[in-house]
Amino acid sequence: MGVANNRSIAWGIAKAAAAQGAALAFTYQGDALKKRVEPLAAEVGSKLVLPCDVTDTASMDAVFAELGRQWGKLDFLVHASPSPTRPSSTGAMSTPRRGTSRRPC
């Protein structure tokens, strides 16, 4: 989650994982990102490119359901979305607000 273009941190991680033999899936939010993500996914041999809005529970559930159908399990997840959630007024950016994380990583 989070590959925006060939300069994103997530893309560097994806290339390194692919070089070590990982099977990869990619997500995108909106058609503009889909057009950028599909060629990158193809570059590392991935045919799994799924729509995903991390702010929408149903969208996230659909991605994880499809990954379960395709692979049975998920070994690891990279979440490198470029826009972090708004920090709480009392916590640091790295301290999530209660209820903002739905799944353990």
PDB file of N, CA and C in Angstrom:
ATOM      1  N   MET A   1       0.846  -1.170   0.000  1.00  0.00           N
ATOM      2  CA  MET A   1       0.000   0.000   0.000  1.00  0.00           C
ATOM      3  C   MET A   1       0.890   1.231   0.000  1.00  0.00           C
ATOM      4  N   GLY A   2       0.671   2.094  -0.964  1.00  0.00           N
ATOM      5  CA  GLY A   2       1.413   3.339  -0.959  1.00  0.00           C
ATOM      6  C   GLY A   2       2.335   3.574  -2.133  1.00  0.00           C
ATOM      7  N   VAL A   3       2.421   2.642  -3.082  1.00  0.00           N
ATOM      8  CA  VAL A   3       3.242   2.914  -4.262  1.00  0.00           C
ATOM      9  C   VAL A   3       2.519   3.976  -5.091  1.00  0.00           C
ATOM     10  N   ALA A   4       3.158   5.126  -5.199  1.00  0.00           N
ATOM     11  CA  ALA A   4       2.558   6.227  -5.953  1.00  0.00           C
ATOM     12  C   ALA A   4       3.242   6.412  -7.300  1.00  0.00           C
ATOM     13  N   ASN A   5       4.551   6.139  -7.333  1.00  0.00           N
ATOM     14  CA  ASN A   5       5.315   6.285  -8.567  1.00  0.00           C
ATOM     15  C   ASN A   5       6.659   5.587  -8.373  1.00  0.00           C
ATOM     16  N   ASN A   6       7.508   5.671  -9.368  1.00  0.00           N
ATOM     17  CA  ASN A   6       8.792   4.961  -9.299  1.00  0.00           C
ATOM     18  C   ASN A   6       9.815   5.635  -8.384  1.00  0.00           C
ATOM     19  N   ARG A   7       9.435   6.719  -7.717  1.00  0.00           N
ATOM     20  CA  ARG A   7      10.318   7.379  -6.761  1.00  0.00           C
ATOM     21  C   ARG A   7       9.848   7.194  -5.312  1.00  0.00           C
ATOM     22  N   SER A   8       8.752   6.487  -5.110  1.00  0.00           N
ATOM     23  CA  SER A   8       8.217   6.336  -3.759  1.00  0.00           C
ATOM     24  C   SER A   8       8.996   5.284  -2.965  1.00  0.00           C
ATOM     25  N   ILE A   9       9.030   5.472  -1.667  1.00  0.00           N
ATOM     26  CA  ILE A   9       9.690   4.511  -0.776  1.00  0.00           C
ATOM     27  C   ILE A   9       9.064   3.134  -0.950  1.00  0.00           C
ATOM     28  N   ALA A  10       7.751   3.084  -1.071  1.00  0.00           N
ATOM     29  CA  ALA A  10       7.066   1.802  -1.231  1.00  0.00           C
ATOM     30  C   ALA A  10       7.542   1.067  -2.488  1.00  0.00           C
ATOM     31  N   TRP A  11       7.834   1.803  -3.553  1.00  0.00           N
ATOM     32  CA  TRP A  11       8.322   1.171  -4.781  1.00  0.00           C
ATOM     33  C   TRP A  11       9.707   0.581  -4.555  1.00  0.00           C
ATOM     34  N   GLY A  12      10.566   1.278  -3.846  1.00  0.00           N
ATOM     35  CA  GLY A  12      11.889   0.737  -3.525  1.00  0.00           C
ATOM     36  C   GLY A  12      11.790  -0.548  -2.718  1.00  0.00           C
ATOM     37  N   ILE A  13      10.874  -0.575  -1.760  1.00  0.00           N
ATOM     38  CA  ILE A  13      10.659  -1.774  -0.955  1.00  0.00           C
ATOM     39  C   ILE A  13      10.120  -2.903  -1.834  1.00  0.00           C
ATOM     40  N   ALA A  14       9.179  -2.587  -2.705  1.00  0.00           N
ATOM     41  CA  ALA A  14       8.595  -3.600  -3.599  1.00  0.00           C
ATOM     42  C   ALA A  14       9.665  -4.209  -4.507  1.00  0.00           C
ATOM     43  N   LYS A  15      10.512  -3.374  -5.091  1.00  0.00           N
ATOM     44  CA  LYS A  15      11.568  -3.901  -5.970  1.00  0.00           C
ATOM     45  C   LYS A  15      12.517  -4.811  -5.199  1.00  0.00           C
ATOM     46  N   ALA A  16      12.894  -4.412  -3.988  1.00  0.00           N
ATOM     47  CA  ALA A  16      13.804  -5.227  -3.183  1.00  0.00           C
ATOM     48  C   ALA A  16      13.149  -6.552  -2.805  1.00  0.00           C
ATOM     49  N   ALA A  17      11.870  -6.524  -2.440  1.00  0.00           N
ATOM     50  CA  ALA A  17      11.162  -7.758  -2.082  1.00  0.00           C
ATOM     51  C   ALA A  17      11.033  -8.675  -3.300  1.00  0.00           C
ATOM     52  N   ALA A  18      10.718  -8.104  -4.448  1.00  0.00           N
ATOM     53  CA  ALA A  18      10.599  -8.900  -5.676  1.00  0.00           C
ATOM     54  C   ALA A  18      11.939  -9.540  -6.038  1.00  0.00           C
ATOM     55  N   ALA A  19      13.016  -8.806  -5.839  1.00  0.00           N
ATOM     56  CA  ALA A  19      14.344  -9.337  -6.147  1.00  0.00           C
ATOM     57  C   ALA A  19      14.683 -10.542  -5.269  1.00  0.00           C
ATOM     58  N   GLN A  20      14.047 -10.637  -4.103  1.00  0.00           N
ATOM     59  CA  GLN A  20      14.268 -11.766  -3.198  1.00  0.00           C
ATOM     60  C   GLN A  20      13.234 -12.871  -3.398  1.00  0.00           C
ATOM     61  N   GLY A  21      12.368 -12.717  -4.406  1.00  0.00           N
ATOM     62  CA  GLY A  21      11.418 -13.769  -4.746  1.00  0.00           C
ATOM     63  C   GLY A  21      10.016 -13.606  -4.190  1.00  0.00           C
ATOM     64  N   ALA A  22       9.715 -12.468  -3.589  1.00  0.00           N
ATOM     65  CA  ALA A  22       8.374 -12.262  -3.033  1.00  0.00           C
ATOM     66  C   ALA A  22       7.336 -12.114  -4.140  1.00  0.00           C
ATOM     67  N   ALA A  23       6.178 -12.704  -3.934  1.00  0.00           N
ATOM     68  CA  ALA A  23       5.014 -12.462  -4.791  1.00  0.00           C
ATOM     69  C   ALA A  23       4.326 -11.225  -4.228  1.00  0.00           C
ATOM     70  N   LEU A  24       4.030 -10.262  -5.086  1.00  0.00           N
ATOM     71  CA  LEU A  24       3.538  -8.979  -4.618  1.00  0.00           C
ATOM     72  C   LEU A  24       2.152  -8.647  -5.146  1.00  0.00           C
ATOM     73  N   ALA A  25       1.426  -7.894  -4.342  1.00  0.00           N
ATOM     74  CA  ALA A  25       0.158  -7.295  -4.749  1.00  0.00           C
ATOM     75  C   ALA A  25       0.297  -5.796  -4.525  1.00  0.00           C
ATOM     76  N   PHE A  26      -0.385  -5.024  -5.333  1.00  0.00           N
ATOM     77  CA  PHE A  26      -0.328  -3.571  -5.224  1.00  0.00           C
ATOM     78  C   PHE A  26      -1.736  -3.027  -5.080  1.00  0.00           C
ATOM     79  N   THR A  27      -1.849  -1.902  -4.390  1.00  0.00           N
ATOM     80  CA  THR A  27      -3.136  -1.225  -4.270  1.00  0.00           C
ATOM     81  C   THR A  27      -3.000   0.197  -4.790  1.00  0.00           C
ATOM     82  N   TYR A  28      -4.134   0.766  -5.105  1.00  0.00           N
ATOM     83  CA  TYR A  28      -4.167   2.147  -5.581  1.00  0.00           C
ATOM     84  C   TYR A  28      -5.463   2.787  -5.113  1.00  0.00           C
ATOM     85  N   GLN A  29      -5.455   4.097  -5.023  1.00  0.00           N
ATOM     86  CA  GLN A  29      -6.659   4.836  -4.680  1.00  0.00           C
ATOM     87  C   GLN A  29      -6.959   5.791  -5.827  1.00  0.00           C
ATOM     88  N   GLY A  30      -7.937   5.469  -6.623  1.00  0.00           N
ATOM     89  CA  GLY A  30      -8.355   6.318  -7.733  1.00  0.00           C
ATOM     90  C   GLY A  30      -7.680   5.958  -9.042  1.00  0.00           C
ATOM     91  N   ASP A  31      -8.335   6.341 -10.133  1.00  0.00           N
ATOM     92  CA  ASP A  31      -7.855   5.991 -11.473  1.00  0.00           C
ATOM     93  C   ASP A  31      -6.506   6.600 -11.824  1.00  0.00           C
ATOM     94  N   ALA A  32      -6.218   7.801 -11.321  1.00  0.00           N
ATOM     95  CA  ALA A  32      -4.931   8.433 -11.627  1.00  0.00           C
ATOM     96  C   ALA A  32      -3.779   7.591 -11.092  1.00  0.00           C
ATOM     97  N   LEU A  33      -3.897   7.086  -9.867  1.00  0.00           N
ATOM     98  CA  LEU A  33      -2.843   6.237  -9.321  1.00  0.00           C
ATOM     99  C   LEU A  33      -2.827   4.863  -9.976  1.00  0.00           C
ATOM    100  N   LYS A  34      -3.987   4.362 -10.351  1.00  0.00           N
ATOM    101  CA  LYS A  34      -4.040   3.062 -11.023  1.00  0.00           C
ATOM    102  C   LYS A  34      -3.176   3.090 -12.283  1.00  0.00           C
ATOM    103  N   LYS A  35      -3.253   4.174 -13.043  1.00  0.00           N
ATOM    104  CA  LYS A  35      -2.474   4.293 -14.279  1.00  0.00           C
ATOM    105  C   LYS A  35      -0.973   4.285 -14.014  1.00  0.00           C
ATOM    106  N   ARG A  36      -0.571   4.739 -12.838  1.00  0.00           N
ATOM    107  CA  ARG A  36       0.861   4.736 -12.485  1.00  0.00           C
ATOM    108  C   ARG A  36       1.291   3.405 -11.880  1.00  0.00           C
ATOM    109  N   VAL A  37       0.401   2.795 -11.100  1.00  0.00           N
ATOM    110  CA  VAL A  37       0.763   1.576 -10.371  1.00  0.00           C
ATOM    111  C   VAL A  37       0.797   0.347 -11.274  1.00  0.00           C
ATOM    112  N   GLU A  38      -0.123   0.237 -12.213  1.00  0.00           N
ATOM    113  CA  GLU A  38      -0.178  -0.957 -13.063  1.00  0.00           C
ATOM    114  C   GLU A  38       1.136  -1.250 -13.791  1.00  0.00           C
ATOM    115  N   PRO A  39       1.782  -0.261 -14.433  1.00  0.00           N
ATOM    116  CA  PRO A  39       3.047  -0.584 -15.100  1.00  0.00           C
ATOM    117  C   PRO A  39       4.158  -0.975 -14.119  1.00  0.00           C
ATOM    118  N   LEU A  40       4.146  -0.395 -12.933  1.00  0.00           N
ATOM    119  CA  LEU A  40       5.160  -0.754 -11.931  1.00  0.00           C
ATOM    120  C   LEU A  40       4.931  -2.184 -11.449  1.00  0.00           C
ATOM    121  N   ALA A  41       3.682  -2.534 -11.211  1.00  0.00           N
ATOM    122  CA  ALA A  41       3.368  -3.904 -10.802  1.00  0.00           C
ATOM    123  C   ALA A  41       3.826  -4.898 -11.879  1.00  0.00           C
ATOM    124  N   ALA A  42       3.555  -4.568 -13.124  1.00  0.00           N
ATOM    125  CA  ALA A  42       3.961  -5.442 -14.232  1.00  0.00           C
ATOM    126  C   ALA A  42       5.482  -5.584 -14.279  1.00  0.00           C
ATOM    127  N   GLU A  43       6.185  -4.525 -13.949  1.00  0.00           N
ATOM    128  CA  GLU A  43       7.655  -4.549 -13.978  1.00  0.00           C
ATOM    129  C   GLU A  43       8.233  -5.603 -13.034  1.00  0.00           C
ATOM    130  N   VAL A  44       7.531  -5.873 -11.928  1.00  0.00           N
ATOM    131  CA  VAL A  44       8.011  -6.890 -10.986  1.00  0.00           C
ATOM    132  C   VAL A  44       7.187  -8.180 -11.070  1.00  0.00           C
ATOM    133  N   GLY A  45       6.405  -8.320 -12.144  1.00  0.00           N
ATOM    134  CA  GLY A  45       5.681  -9.560 -12.401  1.00  0.00           C
ATOM    135  C   GLY A  45       4.398  -9.742 -11.607  1.00  0.00           C
ATOM    136  N   SER A  46       3.851  -8.679 -11.066  1.00  0.00           N
ATOM    137  CA  SER A  46       2.612  -8.797 -10.289  1.00  0.00           C
ATOM    138  C   SER A  46       1.397  -8.510 -11.155  1.00  0.00           C
ATOM    139  N   LYS A  47       0.410  -9.384 -11.042  1.00  0.00           N
ATOM    140  CA  LYS A  47      -0.860  -9.168 -11.742  1.00  0.00           C
ATOM    141  C   LYS A  47      -1.960  -8.757 -10.770  1.00  0.00           C
ATOM    142  N   LEU A  48      -1.638  -8.710  -9.488  1.00  0.00           N
ATOM    143  CA  LEU A  48      -2.612  -8.320  -8.473  1.00  0.00           C
ATOM    144  C   LEU A  48      -2.498  -6.826  -8.208  1.00  0.00           C
ATOM    145  N   VAL A  49      -3.393  -6.057  -8.783  1.00  0.00           N
ATOM    146  CA  VAL A  49      -3.455  -4.605  -8.591  1.00  0.00           C
ATOM    147  C   VAL A  49      -4.899  -4.297  -8.220  1.00  0.00           C
ATOM    148  N   LEU A  50      -5.100  -3.898  -6.980  1.00  0.00           N
ATOM    149  CA  LEU A  50      -6.443  -3.781  -6.425  1.00  0.00           C
ATOM    150  C   LEU A  50      -6.760  -2.368  -5.962  1.00  0.00           C
ATOM    151  N   PRO A  51      -8.006  -1.934  -6.143  1.00  0.00           N
ATOM    152  CA  PRO A  51      -8.399  -0.624  -5.608  1.00  0.00           C
ATOM    153  C   PRO A  51      -8.496  -0.702  -4.081  1.00  0.00           C
ATOM    154  N   CYS A  52      -8.032   0.345  -3.408  1.00  0.00           N
ATOM    155  CA  CYS A  52      -8.092   0.354  -1.952  1.00  0.00           C
ATOM    156  C   CYS A  52      -8.069   1.786  -1.439  1.00  0.00           C
ATOM    157  N   ASP A  53      -9.056   2.116  -0.636  1.00  0.00           N
ATOM    158  CA  ASP A  53      -9.117   3.405   0.050  1.00  0.00           C
ATOM    159  C   ASP A  53      -8.931   3.106   1.526  1.00  0.00           C
ATOM    160  N   VAL A  54      -7.779   3.479   2.092  1.00  0.00           N
ATOM    161  CA  VAL A  54      -7.481   3.126   3.484  1.00  0.00           C
ATOM    162  C   VAL A  54      -8.394   3.834   4.479  1.00  0.00           C
ATOM    163  N   THR A  55      -9.176   4.791   4.027  1.00  0.00           N
ATOM    164  CA  THR A  55     -10.124   5.458   4.924  1.00  0.00           C
ATOM    165  C   THR A  55     -11.496   4.790   4.891  1.00  0.00           C
ATOM    166  N   ASP A  56     -11.652   3.737   4.085  1.00  0.00           N
ATOM    167  CA  ASP A  56     -12.939   3.064   3.918  1.00  0.00           C
ATOM    168  C   ASP A  56     -12.810   1.599   4.326  1.00  0.00           C
ATOM    169  N   THR A  57     -13.480   1.236   5.404  1.00  0.00           N
ATOM    170  CA  THR A  57     -13.383  -0.125   5.932  1.00  0.00           C
ATOM    171  C   THR A  57     -13.783  -1.180   4.913  1.00  0.00           C
ATOM    172  N   ALA A  58     -14.849  -0.939   4.174  1.00  0.00           N
ATOM    173  CA  ALA A  58     -15.302  -1.917   3.175  1.00  0.00           C
ATOM    174  C   ALA A  58     -14.248  -2.129   2.089  1.00  0.00           C
ATOM    175  N   SER A  59     -13.583  -1.068   1.690  1.00  0.00           N
ATOM    176  CA  SER A  59     -12.530  -1.162   0.688  1.00  0.00           C
ATOM    177  C   SER A  59     -11.360  -1.993   1.211  1.00  0.00           C
ATOM    178  N   MET A  60     -10.967  -1.742   2.442  1.00  0.00           N
ATOM    179  CA  MET A  60      -9.874  -2.512   3.046  1.00  0.00           C
ATOM    180  C   MET A  60     -10.269  -3.987   3.178  1.00  0.00           C
ATOM    181  N   ASP A  61     -11.483  -4.236   3.642  1.00  0.00           N
ATOM    182  CA  ASP A  61     -11.951  -5.611   3.790  1.00  0.00           C
ATOM    183  C   ASP A  61     -11.948  -6.342   2.450  1.00  0.00           C
ATOM    184  N   ALA A  62     -12.343  -5.651   1.389  1.00  0.00           N
ATOM    185  CA  ALA A  62     -12.364  -6.267   0.056  1.00  0.00           C
ATOM    186  C   ALA A  62     -10.957  -6.647  -0.395  1.00  0.00           C
ATOM    187  N   VAL A  63      -9.979  -5.802  -0.128  1.00  0.00           N
ATOM    188  CA  VAL A  63      -8.586  -6.109  -0.501  1.00  0.00           C
ATOM    189  C   VAL A  63      -8.102  -7.343   0.237  1.00  0.00           C
ATOM    190  N   PHE A  64      -8.312  -7.385   1.554  1.00  0.00           N
ATOM    191  CA  PHE A  64      -7.829  -8.525   2.325  1.00  0.00           C
ATOM    192  C   PHE A  64      -8.581  -9.809   1.964  1.00  0.00           C
ATOM    193  N   ALA A  65      -9.855  -9.699   1.617  1.00  0.00           N
ATOM    194  CA  ALA A  65     -10.608 -10.880   1.169  1.00  0.00           C
ATOM    195  C   ALA A  65     -10.032 -11.412  -0.141  1.00  0.00           C
ATOM    196  N   GLU A  66      -9.721 -10.520  -1.074  1.00  0.00           N
ATOM    197  CA  GLU A  66      -9.147 -10.948  -2.358  1.00  0.00           C
ATOM    198  C   GLU A  66      -7.759 -11.554  -2.169  1.00  0.00           C
ATOM    199  N   LEU A  67      -6.950 -10.970  -1.314  1.00  0.00           N
ATOM    200  CA  LEU A  67      -5.633 -11.539  -1.035  1.00  0.00           C
ATOM    201  C   LEU A  67      -5.768 -12.927  -0.418  1.00  0.00           C
ATOM    202  N   GLY A  68      -6.757 -13.097   0.446  1.00  0.00           N
ATOM    203  CA  GLY A  68      -7.014 -14.419   1.024  1.00  0.00           C
ATOM    204  C   GLY A  68      -7.423 -15.430  -0.030  1.00  0.00           C
ATOM    205  N   ARG A  69      -8.247 -15.008  -0.971  1.00  0.00           N
ATOM    206  CA  ARG A  69      -8.659 -15.916  -2.067  1.00  0.00           C
ATOM    207  C   ARG A  69      -7.469 -16.282  -2.946  1.00  0.00           C
ATOM    208  N   GLN A  70      -6.632 -15.311  -3.245  1.00  0.00           N
ATOM    209  CA  GLN A  70      -5.506 -15.540  -4.153  1.00  0.00           C
ATOM    210  C   GLN A  70      -4.366 -16.334  -3.501  1.00  0.00           C
ATOM    211  N   TRP A  71      -4.042 -15.978  -2.262  1.00  0.00           N
ATOM    212  CA  TRP A  71      -2.844 -16.533  -1.632  1.00  0.00           C
ATOM    213  C   TRP A  71      -3.103 -17.376  -0.393  1.00  0.00           C
ATOM    214  N   GLY A  72      -4.272 -17.272   0.194  1.00  0.00           N
ATOM    215  CA  GLY A  72      -4.547 -18.001   1.425  1.00  0.00           C
ATOM    216  C   GLY A  72      -4.087 -17.278   2.680  1.00  0.00           C
ATOM    217  N   LYS A  73      -2.935 -16.639   2.604  1.00  0.00           N
ATOM    218  CA  LYS A  73      -2.410 -15.891   3.748  1.00  0.00           C
ATOM    219  C   LYS A  73      -1.513 -14.764   3.245  1.00  0.00           C
ATOM    220  N   LEU A  74      -1.216 -13.878   4.141  1.00  0.00           N
ATOM    221  CA  LEU A  74      -0.359 -12.740   3.831  1.00  0.00           C
ATOM    222  C   LEU A  74       0.862 -12.833   4.730  1.00  0.00           C
ATOM    223  N   ASP A  75       2.058 -12.823   4.148  1.00  0.00           N
ATOM    224  CA  ASP A  75       3.275 -12.925   4.940  1.00  0.00           C
ATOM    225  C   ASP A  75       3.704 -11.579   5.520  1.00  0.00           C
ATOM    226  N   PHE A  76       3.534 -10.509   4.744  1.00  0.00           N
ATOM    227  CA  PHE A  76       3.873  -9.184   5.263  1.00  0.00           C
ATOM    228  C   PHE A  76       3.137  -8.131   4.470  1.00  0.00           C
ATOM    229  N   LEU A  77       3.054  -6.953   5.053  1.00  0.00           N
ATOM    230  CA  LEU A  77       2.361  -5.830   4.432  1.00  0.00           C
ATOM    231  C   LEU A  77       3.228  -4.596   4.583  1.00  0.00           C
ATOM    232  N   VAL A  78       3.362  -3.851   3.509  1.00  0.00           N
ATOM    233  CA  VAL A  78       4.035  -2.547   3.570  1.00  0.00           C
ATOM    234  C   VAL A  78       2.960  -1.494   3.402  1.00  0.00           C
ATOM    235  N   HIS A  79       2.829  -0.651   4.400  1.00  0.00           N
ATOM    236  CA  HIS A  79       1.871   0.454   4.336  1.00  0.00           C
ATOM    237  C   HIS A  79       2.694   1.736   4.316  1.00  0.00           C
ATOM    238  N   ALA A  80       2.777   2.341   3.161  1.00  0.00           N
ATOM    239  CA  ALA A  80       3.593   3.549   2.994  1.00  0.00           C
ATOM    240  C   ALA A  80       2.775   4.665   2.370  1.00  0.00           C
ATOM    241  N   SER A  81       1.553   4.836   2.871  1.00  0.00           N
ATOM    242  CA  SER A  81       0.696   5.888   2.329  1.00  0.00           C
ATOM    243  C   SER A  81       1.338   7.249   2.556  1.00  0.00           C
ATOM    244  N   PRO A  82       1.282   8.115   1.563  1.00  0.00           N
ATOM    245  CA  PRO A  82       1.958   9.401   1.664  1.00  0.00           C
ATOM    246  C   PRO A  82       1.294  10.399   2.596  1.00  0.00           C
ATOM    247  N   SER A  83       0.038  10.189   2.965  1.00  0.00           N
ATOM    248  CA  SER A  83      -0.669  11.149   3.813  1.00  0.00           C
ATOM    249  C   SER A  83      -1.037  10.495   5.137  1.00  0.00           C
ATOM    250  N   PRO A  84      -0.299  10.783   6.198  1.00  0.00           N
ATOM    251  CA  PRO A  84      -0.610  10.177   7.493  1.00  0.00           C
ATOM    252  C   PRO A  84      -1.921  10.730   8.038  1.00  0.00           C
ATOM    253  N   THR A  85      -2.502   9.987   8.975  1.00  0.00           N
ATOM    254  CA  THR A  85      -3.704  10.490   9.619  1.00  0.00           C
ATOM    255  C   THR A  85      -3.335  11.704  10.461  1.00  0.00           C
ATOM    256  N   ARG A  86      -4.276  12.574  10.656  1.00  0.00           N
ATOM    257  CA  ARG A  86      -4.053  13.777  11.455  1.00  0.00           C
ATOM    258  C   ARG A  86      -3.681  13.357  12.879  1.00  0.00           C
ATOM    259  N   PRO A  87      -2.592  13.898  13.433  1.00  0.00           N
ATOM    260  CA  PRO A  87      -2.193  13.516  14.789  1.00  0.00           C
ATOM    261  C   PRO A  87      -3.185  14.041  15.816  1.00  0.00           C
ATOM    262  N   SER A  88      -3.292  13.322  16.921  1.00  0.00           N
ATOM    263  CA  SER A  88      -4.133  13.815  17.998  1.00  0.00           C
ATOM    264  C   SER A  88      -3.464  15.037  18.595  1.00  0.00           C
ATOM    265  N   SER A  89      -4.207  15.837  19.308  1.00  0.00           N
ATOM    266  CA  SER A  89      -3.651  17.069  19.849  1.00  0.00           C
ATOM    267  C   SER A  89      -2.644  16.795  20.956  1.00  0.00           C
ATOM    268  N   THR A  90      -2.654  15.565  21.515  1.00  0.00           N
ATOM    269  CA  THR A  90      -1.750  15.275  22.625  1.00  0.00           C
ATOM    270  C   THR A  90      -0.615  14.327  22.262  1.00  0.00           C
ATOM    271  N   GLY A  91      -0.684  13.677  21.109  1.00  0.00           N
ATOM    272  CA  GLY A  91       0.310  12.669  20.789  1.00  0.00           C
ATOM    273  C   GLY A  91       1.211  13.075  19.640  1.00  0.00           C
ATOM    274  N   ALA A  92       2.336  12.395  19.532  1.00  0.00           N
ATOM    275  CA  ALA A  92       3.251  12.615  18.414  1.00  0.00           C
ATOM    276  C   ALA A  92       2.669  11.987  17.154  1.00  0.00           C
ATOM    277  N   MET A  93       3.212  12.326  15.995  1.00  0.00           N
ATOM    278  CA  MET A  93       2.723  11.779  14.735  1.00  0.00           C
ATOM    279  C   MET A  93       2.773  10.254  14.745  1.00  0.00           C
ATOM    280  N   SER A  94       3.731   9.677  15.452  1.00  0.00           N
ATOM    281  CA  SER A  94       3.864   8.226  15.474  1.00  0.00           C
ATOM    282  C   SER A  94       2.908   7.559  16.463  1.00  0.00           C
ATOM    283  N   THR A  95       2.190   8.333  17.252  1.00  0.00           N
ATOM    284  CA  THR A  95       1.244   7.783  18.208  1.00  0.00           C
ATOM    285  C   THR A  95      -0.150   7.804  17.604  1.00  0.00           C
ATOM    286  N   PRO A  96      -0.690   6.646  17.224  1.00  0.00           N
ATOM    287  CA  PRO A  96      -2.003   6.634  16.583  1.00  0.00           C
ATOM    288  C   PRO A  96      -3.108   6.967  17.578  1.00  0.00           C
ATOM    289  N   ARG A  97      -4.157   7.581  17.069  1.00  0.00           N
ATOM    290  CA  ARG A  97      -5.331   7.832  17.897  1.00  0.00           C
ATOM    291  C   ARG A  97      -6.090   6.541  18.070  1.00  0.00           C
ATOM    292  N   ARG A  98      -6.784   6.406  19.174  1.00  0.00           N
ATOM    293  CA  ARG A  98      -7.602   5.222  19.431  1.00  0.00           C
ATOM    294  C   ARG A  98      -8.586   5.022  18.292  1.00  0.00           C
ATOM    295  N   GLY A  99      -8.656   3.807  17.783  1.00  0.00           N
ATOM    296  CA  GLY A  99      -9.604   3.481  16.741  1.00  0.00           C
ATOM    297  C   GLY A  99      -9.112   3.722  15.325  1.00  0.00           C
ATOM    298  N   THR A 100      -7.891   4.220  15.144  1.00  0.00           N
ATOM    299  CA  THR A 100      -7.424   4.484  13.781  1.00  0.00           C
ATOM    300  C   THR A 100      -6.792   3.265  13.146  1.00  0.00           C
ATOM    301  N   SER A 101      -6.380   2.287  13.924  1.00  0.00           N
ATOM    302  CA  SER A 101      -5.771   1.079  13.376  1.00  0.00           C
ATOM    303  C   SER A 101      -6.768  -0.064  13.484  1.00  0.00           C
ATOM    304  N   ARG A 102      -7.067  -0.727  12.371  1.00  0.00           N
ATOM    305  CA  ARG A 102      -8.053  -1.799  12.369  1.00  0.00           C
ATOM    306  C   ARG A 102      -7.418  -3.182  12.367  1.00  0.00           C
ATOM    307  N   ARG A 103      -6.190  -3.292  11.901  1.00  0.00           N
ATOM    308  CA  ARG A 103      -5.568  -4.596  11.791  1.00  0.00           C
ATOM    309  C   ARG A 103      -4.148  -4.537  12.342  1.00  0.00           C
ATOM    310  N   PRO A 104      -3.708  -5.594  13.020  1.00  0.00           N
ATOM    311  CA  PRO A 104      -2.318  -5.610  13.455  1.00  0.00           C
ATOM    312  C   PRO A 104      -1.389  -5.786  12.270  1.00  0.00           C
ATOM    313  N   CYS A 105      -0.249  -5.190  12.327  1.00  0.00           N
ATOM    314  CA  CYS A 105       0.741  -5.311  11.245  1.00  0.00           C
ATOM    315  C   CYS A 105       1.872  -6.199  11.686  1.00  0.00           C
TER     316      CYS A 105
END
